Amino acid sequence: MITRVLLADDSLLARQLLKDMLQESDEIRVVGEACDGRQAVELAQALKPDLVIMDLLMPVLDGLDAIEEIMALCPTPVLVLSAAVEASEVDRAFVAIKRGALDVMEKPRLDGNATLEGFSATLREKVLFLSRIRVIRHPRRKPRPGDPLPALLGGAGHNILAIGASTGGPKAVMRLLKALPADFPGAVFVVQHIAQGFAAGFAAWLDRECALPVRLARDGVPFRSGEALVAPDGTHLTVVEGVIRLNDAPPVNCCRPSIDVFFDSLARQRCDQVVAVLLTGMGRDGAQGMLRIRAAGGTTIVQDEPSCAVFGMPKAAITLDAADQVVPLDLIPAALEKLFVAQRPESATTGAAAPHN
């Protein structure tokens, strides 16, 4: 089956370079090229491609508005190519994800054949995967007063919220963290599989979007309740005796940071105060670690299939019997409120919030 791709970039040179890279695969065909956002919307409607590769800075209609219109008129998987990992460009990339794009990559650097070959292979792999994701445009469903809350195992008084996510995760993580109050009575950790160079921008974007302060995790620093920490890209995040430890050990499940590595570090301690949440993503990363957390007394929640962009990681956890509950994304904050309510707000701690040994 041929994957049909629409390229949207105002640079003819960039479009030609991408086209050459993509068509090295017999499974990919570029069916259209747009030089501005308006044309991208029109071609997406007319050609109905399997995927749109979108630049953000374009004339007539920029990439952000083009994504929003495409998602409203003809929902299509969108991969954003960011010109640089500078703060302003990274911020636009995450706004694009908020508006409906599935993933983001940095544009290739023209500093050597090896660099271009590596980018080309990664691009083709990502295109073939993302094009298979079904994108549906529908209004966000917020919990209603009559919605039943999940009957979760464990009691209130948890103090660590550990979140893992991959493909489709940035938007899901943002929606989850945005629902948490500024005085959330627990330390929050996020391990998100993301393109190299984007983790710091992801943390900064979440910090602007959410009431809860969000920072990039730093080695050797104690963590605190009421703060969310994002794993840096290219390094594993672990927690050892209430202190953050980063390391450059080999990738696990082809990932660094790996959700399994982080979850495993929590599972080596008593986990009755830990809530682990596994969100949308491809593969199995996080499933085995979640099983260990559950075995150590932690509470585990996975996102349900209808609300996932990709059900791979949650499904793997369910298959292992690692999930206490399978919950729609928009109902996870209500479940967390029930689990953390005993400490909010009077007894929320301000020091390191490690599980008791």
Protein backbone atom coordinates (compact mmCIF):
# COMPACT_ATOMS: atom_id res chain seq x y z
CA MET A 1 0.00 0.00 0.00
CA ILE A 2 1.36 3.41 -1.03
CA THR A 3 1.45 6.25 1.54
CA ARG A 4 0.39 9.49 -0.17
CA VAL A 5 2.08 12.63 1.20
CA LEU A 6 1.39 16.34 0.76
CA LEU A 7 4.39 18.67 1.27
CA ALA A 8 3.71 22.20 2.52
CA ASP A 9 6.74 24.53 2.55
CA ASP A 10 7.35 27.90 0.96
CA SER A 11 10.91 26.89 0.02
CA LEU A 12 11.19 25.10 -3.32
CA LEU A 13 14.60 23.76 -2.30
CA ALA A 14 13.20 22.30 0.95
CA ARG A 15 10.29 20.66 -0.89
CA GLN A 16 12.63 19.12 -3.46
CA LEU A 17 14.97 17.82 -0.77
CA LEU A 18 12.11 16.26 1.17
CA LYS A 19 10.57 14.83 -1.97
CA ASP A 20 13.84 13.14 -2.94
CA MET A 21 14.20 11.67 0.56
CA LEU A 22 10.65 10.35 0.72
CA GLN A 23 10.62 8.83 -2.74
CA GLU A 24 13.66 6.71 -1.96
CA SER A 25 10.99 4.43 -0.49
CA ASP A 26 8.71 2.51 -2.82
CA GLU A 27 6.01 2.81 -0.16
CA ILE A 28 5.81 6.62 -0.23
CA ARG A 29 4.60 8.96 -2.97
CA VAL A 30 4.47 12.75 -2.86
CA VAL A 31 1.10 13.60 -4.41
CA GLY A 32 1.13 17.36 -3.95
CA GLU A 33 3.23 20.39 -3.02
CA ALA A 34 1.96 23.59 -1.40
CA CYS A 35 3.96 26.81 -1.16
CA ASP A 36 1.72 28.49 1.42
CA GLY A 37 -0.77 27.54 4.11
CA ARG A 38 -3.86 28.37 2.09
CA GLN A 39 -2.76 26.12 -0.74
CA ALA A 40 -1.98 23.39 1.80
CA VAL A 41 -5.56 23.47 3.06
CA GLU A 42 -6.98 23.42 -0.46
CA LEU A 43 -4.75 20.52 -1.58
CA ALA A 44 -5.48 18.55 1.59
CA GLN A 45 -9.19 18.80 0.80
CA ALA A 46 -8.74 17.98 -2.89
CA LEU A 47 -6.10 15.23 -2.71
CA LYS A 48 -7.02 13.62 0.63
CA PRO A 49 -3.40 12.58 1.38
CA ASP A 50 -2.50 10.07 4.07
CA LEU A 51 -0.17 12.61 5.70
CA VAL A 52 0.77 16.29 5.48
CA ILE A 53 4.34 17.44 6.18
CA MET A 54 3.95 21.04 7.31
CA ASP A 55 6.33 23.96 7.63
CA LEU A 56 5.08 26.59 10.09
CA LEU A 57 6.41 29.86 8.70
CA MET A 58 4.64 30.33 5.37
CA PRO A 59 2.95 33.24 3.58
CA VAL A 60 -0.79 33.84 2.98
CA LEU A 61 -1.77 31.45 5.79
CA ASP A 62 0.83 30.23 8.26
CA GLY A 63 1.28 26.59 9.22
CA LEU A 64 -0.53 26.93 12.55
CA ASP A 65 -3.72 28.26 10.98
CA ALA A 66 -3.41 25.77 8.13
CA ILE A 67 -3.27 22.86 10.59
CA GLU A 68 -6.33 24.17 12.40
CA GLU A 69 -8.30 24.43 9.14
CA ILE A 70 -7.19 21.00 7.93
CA MET A 71 -8.24 19.42 11.22
CA ALA A 72 -11.63 21.13 10.97
CA LEU A 73 -12.31 20.48 7.27
CA CYS A 74 -10.52 17.23 6.39
CA PRO A 75 -8.78 15.69 9.43
CA THR A 76 -5.40 14.35 8.29
CA PRO A 77 -2.25 13.27 10.17
CA VAL A 78 0.21 16.19 10.22
CA LEU A 79 3.96 16.04 10.82
CA VAL A 80 5.52 19.42 11.58
CA LEU A 81 9.08 20.19 10.46
CA SER A 82 10.57 22.90 12.67
CA ALA A 83 13.29 25.12 11.23
CA ALA A 84 15.32 25.15 14.46
CA VAL A 85 15.19 24.25 18.11
CA GLU A 86 15.28 27.90 19.12
CA ALA A 87 12.73 28.84 21.78
CA SER A 88 10.32 30.73 19.51
CA GLU A 89 10.27 28.04 16.84
CA VAL A 90 9.89 25.22 19.37
CA ASP A 91 7.00 27.09 20.97
CA ARG A 92 5.25 27.31 17.60
CA ALA A 93 5.82 23.58 17.10
CA PHE A 94 4.00 22.75 20.33
CA VAL A 95 1.19 25.16 19.51
CA ALA A 96 0.87 23.17 16.27
CA ILE A 97 0.52 19.97 18.28
CA LYS A 98 -2.13 21.62 20.42
CA ARG A 99 -4.04 22.47 17.23
CA GLY A 100 -3.90 18.91 15.95
CA ALA A 101 -0.46 17.98 14.57
CA LEU A 102 0.72 14.53 15.63
CA ASP A 103 4.47 15.00 15.87
CA VAL A 104 7.38 17.36 15.24
CA MET A 105 10.88 16.99 13.83
CA GLU A 106 13.70 19.46 13.31
CA LYS A 107 14.46 20.19 9.65
CA PRO A 108 17.63 18.54 8.33
CA ARG A 109 20.93 20.36 8.67
CA LEU A 110 22.95 20.60 5.50
CA ASP A 111 26.28 19.80 7.17
CA GLY A 112 27.11 16.38 5.82
CA ASN A 113 25.80 13.35 3.96
CA ALA A 114 25.69 11.23 7.12
CA THR A 115 23.41 13.77 8.81
CA LEU A 116 21.07 13.88 5.82
CA GLU A 117 21.01 10.09 5.49
CA GLY A 118 20.11 9.69 9.15
CA PHE A 119 17.36 12.29 8.90
CA SER A 120 16.05 10.76 5.67
CA ALA A 121 15.69 7.30 7.21
CA THR A 122 14.01 8.68 10.33
CA LEU A 123 11.65 10.80 8.25
CA ARG A 124 10.51 7.87 6.10
CA GLU A 125 9.96 5.68 9.15
CA LYS A 126 7.93 8.39 10.88
CA VAL A 127 5.86 9.12 7.76
CA LEU A 128 4.93 5.47 7.31
CA PHE A 129 3.91 5.17 10.96
CA LEU A 130 2.04 8.45 11.40
CA SER A 131 0.09 8.02 8.17
CA ARG A 132 -1.61 4.94 9.67
CA ILE A 133 -3.03 6.88 12.61
CA ARG A 134 -6.70 7.70 12.28
CA VAL A 135 -7.29 11.37 13.02
CA ILE A 136 -10.78 12.45 14.03
CA ARG A 137 -11.82 16.00 14.69
CA HIS A 138 -14.36 16.29 17.48
CA PRO A 139 -14.94 18.68 20.38
CA ARG A 140 -13.23 17.86 23.62
CA ARG A 141 -15.56 16.09 25.97
CA LYS A 142 -15.22 17.41 29.50
CA PRO A 143 -16.33 15.38 32.49
CA ARG A 144 -19.94 16.07 33.47
CA PRO A 145 -21.30 16.01 37.02
CA GLY A 146 -23.10 12.73 36.34
CA ASP A 147 -20.06 10.88 35.00
CA PRO A 148 -19.02 7.98 37.25
CA LEU A 149 -15.52 8.19 38.70
CA PRO A 150 -13.32 5.11 38.29
CA ALA A 151 -13.21 2.90 41.38
CA LEU A 152 -9.43 2.85 41.76
CA LEU A 153 -7.40 0.65 44.02
CA GLY A 154 -5.34 2.28 46.76
CA GLY A 155 -6.26 5.10 49.06
CA ALA A 156 -5.81 8.84 49.10
CA GLY A 157 -2.55 10.37 50.24
CA HIS A 158 -0.40 9.59 47.20
CA ASN A 159 2.51 11.95 46.62
CA ILE A 160 4.11 10.98 43.30
CA LEU A 161 2.42 11.12 39.90
CA ALA A 162 4.52 9.40 37.20
CA ILE A 163 3.39 9.95 33.59
CA GLY A 164 4.72 8.20 30.49
CA ALA A 165 3.79 9.02 26.90
CA SER A 166 4.99 8.70 23.32
CA THR A 167 3.29 9.35 19.95
CA GLY A 168 0.37 11.73 20.46
CA GLY A 169 1.65 12.35 23.97
CA PRO A 170 2.55 16.06 24.02
CA LYS A 171 -1.08 17.11 23.55
CA ALA A 172 -2.38 14.43 25.92
CA VAL A 173 0.17 15.39 28.60
CA MET A 174 -0.75 19.06 28.21
CA ARG A 175 -4.46 18.32 28.63
CA LEU A 176 -3.78 16.22 31.72
CA LEU A 177 -1.41 18.69 33.40
CA LYS A 178 -3.61 21.64 32.51
CA ALA A 179 -6.41 20.04 34.55
CA LEU A 180 -4.22 19.86 37.67
CA PRO A 181 -4.35 22.76 40.16
CA ALA A 182 -1.35 24.92 41.01
CA ASP A 183 -1.42 23.47 44.53
CA PHE A 184 -1.45 19.84 43.38
CA PRO A 185 -0.25 17.89 46.45
CA GLY A 186 2.26 15.65 44.74
CA ALA A 187 5.44 15.66 42.70
CA VAL A 188 4.73 15.10 39.00
CA PHE A 189 7.15 13.49 36.54
CA VAL A 190 6.74 13.28 32.76
CA VAL A 191 8.75 10.95 30.52
CA GLN A 192 7.77 11.83 26.95
CA HIS A 193 9.41 10.31 23.88
CA ILE A 194 10.25 13.37 21.81
CA ALA A 195 12.60 14.43 19.02
CA GLN A 196 16.13 15.39 20.08
CA GLY A 197 16.36 19.03 21.12
CA PHE A 198 12.67 19.52 21.94
CA ALA A 199 12.39 18.47 25.61
CA ALA A 200 13.33 21.87 27.04
CA GLY A 201 10.85 23.59 24.75
CA PHE A 202 8.20 21.03 25.70
CA ALA A 203 8.71 21.81 29.39
CA ALA A 204 8.60 25.56 28.75
CA TRP A 205 5.41 25.21 26.70
CA LEU A 206 3.73 23.14 29.42
CA ASP A 207 4.79 25.72 32.01
CA ARG A 208 3.03 28.46 30.05
CA GLU A 209 -0.08 26.36 29.46
CA CYS A 210 -0.57 24.96 32.95
CA ALA A 211 -1.18 26.37 36.44
CA LEU A 212 1.25 23.80 37.84
CA PRO A 213 4.88 24.93 37.38
CA VAL A 214 6.74 22.70 34.90
CA ARG A 215 10.53 22.42 34.70
CA LEU A 216 13.16 20.27 33.01
CA ALA A 217 14.52 17.68 35.46
CA ARG A 218 18.09 18.25 36.68
CA ASP A 219 20.51 15.69 38.04
CA GLY A 220 21.10 15.58 41.79
CA VAL A 221 18.19 17.85 42.71
CA PRO A 222 15.52 16.81 45.24
CA PHE A 223 11.99 16.97 43.85
CA ARG A 224 9.02 18.73 45.43
CA SER A 225 5.28 18.51 45.62
CA GLY A 226 3.44 21.03 43.46
CA GLU A 227 5.96 20.89 40.61
CA ALA A 228 6.10 18.89 37.38
CA LEU A 229 9.45 17.73 35.99
CA VAL A 230 10.05 16.66 32.38
CA ALA A 231 12.79 14.17 31.47
CA PRO A 232 15.49 15.78 29.29
CA ASP A 233 15.89 14.27 25.83
CA GLY A 234 18.75 11.86 25.29
CA THR A 235 19.07 10.79 28.94
CA HIS A 236 17.30 8.40 31.29
CA LEU A 237 15.44 9.86 34.27
CA THR A 238 15.44 7.96 37.57
CA VAL A 239 14.56 8.70 41.19
CA VAL A 240 16.88 7.42 43.94
CA GLU A 241 16.07 8.13 47.60
CA GLY A 242 14.13 11.28 46.85
CA VAL A 243 16.74 12.71 44.46
CA ILE A 244 16.62 12.97 40.66
CA ARG A 245 19.33 11.03 38.86
CA LEU A 246 19.99 11.30 35.13
CA ASN A 247 22.17 8.84 33.23
CA ASP A 248 23.24 8.05 29.68
CA ALA A 249 22.93 4.27 29.87
CA PRO A 250 21.99 2.55 26.58
CA PRO A 251 18.44 3.04 25.27
CA VAL A 252 15.75 0.68 26.57
CA ASN A 253 12.95 -0.28 24.16
CA CYS A 254 14.89 1.86 21.64
CA CYS A 255 14.17 4.88 23.86
CA ARG A 256 16.24 7.28 25.95
CA PRO A 257 14.61 8.52 28.09
CA SER A 258 12.75 5.28 28.67
CA ILE A 259 9.51 5.13 30.63
CA ASP A 260 10.40 1.63 31.82
CA VAL A 261 13.69 2.86 33.28
CA PHE A 262 11.89 5.60 35.21
CA PHE A 263 9.04 3.39 36.40
CA ASP A 264 11.57 0.71 37.46
CA SER A 265 13.42 3.26 39.62
CA LEU A 266 10.16 3.96 41.47
CA ALA A 267 9.32 0.27 41.79
CA ARG A 268 12.55 -0.38 43.71
CA GLN A 269 10.96 1.53 46.59
CA ARG A 270 7.66 1.10 48.40
CA CYS A 271 5.08 2.34 45.89
CA ASP A 272 1.89 2.75 47.89
CA GLN A 273 2.18 6.52 47.41
CA VAL A 274 2.88 6.32 43.65
CA VAL A 275 0.32 6.73 40.86
CA ALA A 276 1.66 5.72 37.43
CA VAL A 277 -0.19 6.86 34.29
CA LEU A 278 0.60 5.51 30.83
CA LEU A 279 -0.74 7.56 27.93
CA THR A 280 -0.89 7.22 24.15
CA GLY A 281 2.15 5.84 22.36
CA MET A 282 3.67 3.29 20.02
CA GLY A 283 5.41 0.17 21.27
CA ARG A 284 5.71 -1.32 24.75
CA ASP A 285 7.81 1.14 26.72
CA GLY A 286 6.39 1.64 30.21
CA ALA A 287 4.27 -1.53 30.33
CA GLN A 288 6.79 -3.70 32.20
CA GLY A 289 7.73 -0.87 34.56
CA MET A 290 4.06 -0.24 35.28
CA LEU A 291 3.62 -3.91 36.17
CA ARG A 292 6.49 -3.61 38.67
CA ILE A 293 4.97 -0.49 40.21
CA ARG A 294 1.65 -2.27 40.64
CA ALA A 295 3.40 -5.28 42.21
CA ALA A 296 5.16 -2.90 44.63
CA GLY A 297 1.84 -1.46 45.81
CA GLY A 298 1.40 1.47 43.42
CA THR A 299 -1.77 2.54 41.63
CA THR A 300 -1.72 2.30 37.83
CA ILE A 301 -3.91 3.96 35.20
CA VAL A 302 -3.77 3.65 31.42
CA GLN A 303 -5.49 5.80 28.81
CA ASP A 304 -8.34 4.05 27.00
CA GLU A 305 -8.23 3.21 23.30
CA PRO A 306 -10.83 5.69 21.95
CA SER A 307 -9.00 8.68 23.42
CA CYS A 308 -5.50 7.50 22.33
CA ALA A 309 -3.79 8.59 19.14
CA VAL A 310 -1.89 5.27 19.34
CA PHE A 311 -3.01 2.51 21.69
CA GLY A 312 0.27 0.54 21.63
CA MET A 313 1.76 1.28 25.07
CA PRO A 314 -1.53 1.25 27.01
CA LYS A 315 -2.54 -1.99 25.26
CA ALA A 316 0.79 -3.58 26.19
CA ALA A 317 0.23 -2.65 29.85
CA ILE A 318 -3.30 -4.06 29.78
CA THR A 319 -2.03 -7.30 28.22
CA LEU A 320 0.46 -7.68 31.09
CA ASP A 321 -2.33 -7.04 33.64
CA ALA A 322 -0.36 -3.98 34.77
CA ALA A 323 -3.32 -1.57 34.80
CA ASP A 324 -5.63 -1.07 37.74
CA GLN A 325 -7.96 0.99 35.55
CA VAL A 326 -8.40 1.96 31.89
CA VAL A 327 -9.70 5.53 31.81
CA PRO A 328 -10.59 8.08 29.07
CA LEU A 329 -8.07 10.93 28.98
CA ASP A 330 -10.57 13.58 30.06
CA LEU A 331 -11.57 11.54 33.14
CA ILE A 332 -8.02 10.87 34.38
CA PRO A 333 -7.81 14.25 36.26
CA ALA A 334 -10.96 13.34 38.22
CA ALA A 335 -9.41 9.99 39.12
CA LEU A 336 -6.23 11.73 40.26
CA GLU A 337 -8.21 14.19 42.37
CA LYS A 338 -9.74 11.25 44.20
CA LEU A 339 -6.33 9.67 44.83
CA PHE A 340 -4.50 12.81 45.93
CA VAL A 341 -7.36 14.58 47.73
CA ALA A 342 -6.31 13.65 51.26
CA GLN A 343 -3.22 15.84 51.03
CA ARG A 344 -4.76 18.84 49.30
CA PRO A 345 -4.19 21.57 50.18
CA GLU A 346 -3.36 21.74 53.89
CA SER A 347 -0.98 18.79 54.13
CA ALA A 348 0.85 19.20 50.82
CA THR A 349 4.56 19.02 51.50
CA THR A 350 7.16 21.45 50.27
CA GLY A 351 10.22 19.23 50.62
CA ALA A 352 11.29 16.12 48.75
CA ALA A 353 8.33 13.83 48.13
CA ALA A 354 9.91 10.41 47.92
CA PRO A 355 8.08 7.19 48.78
CA HIS A 356 8.83 5.97 52.29
CA ASN A 357 11.33 3.15 52.39
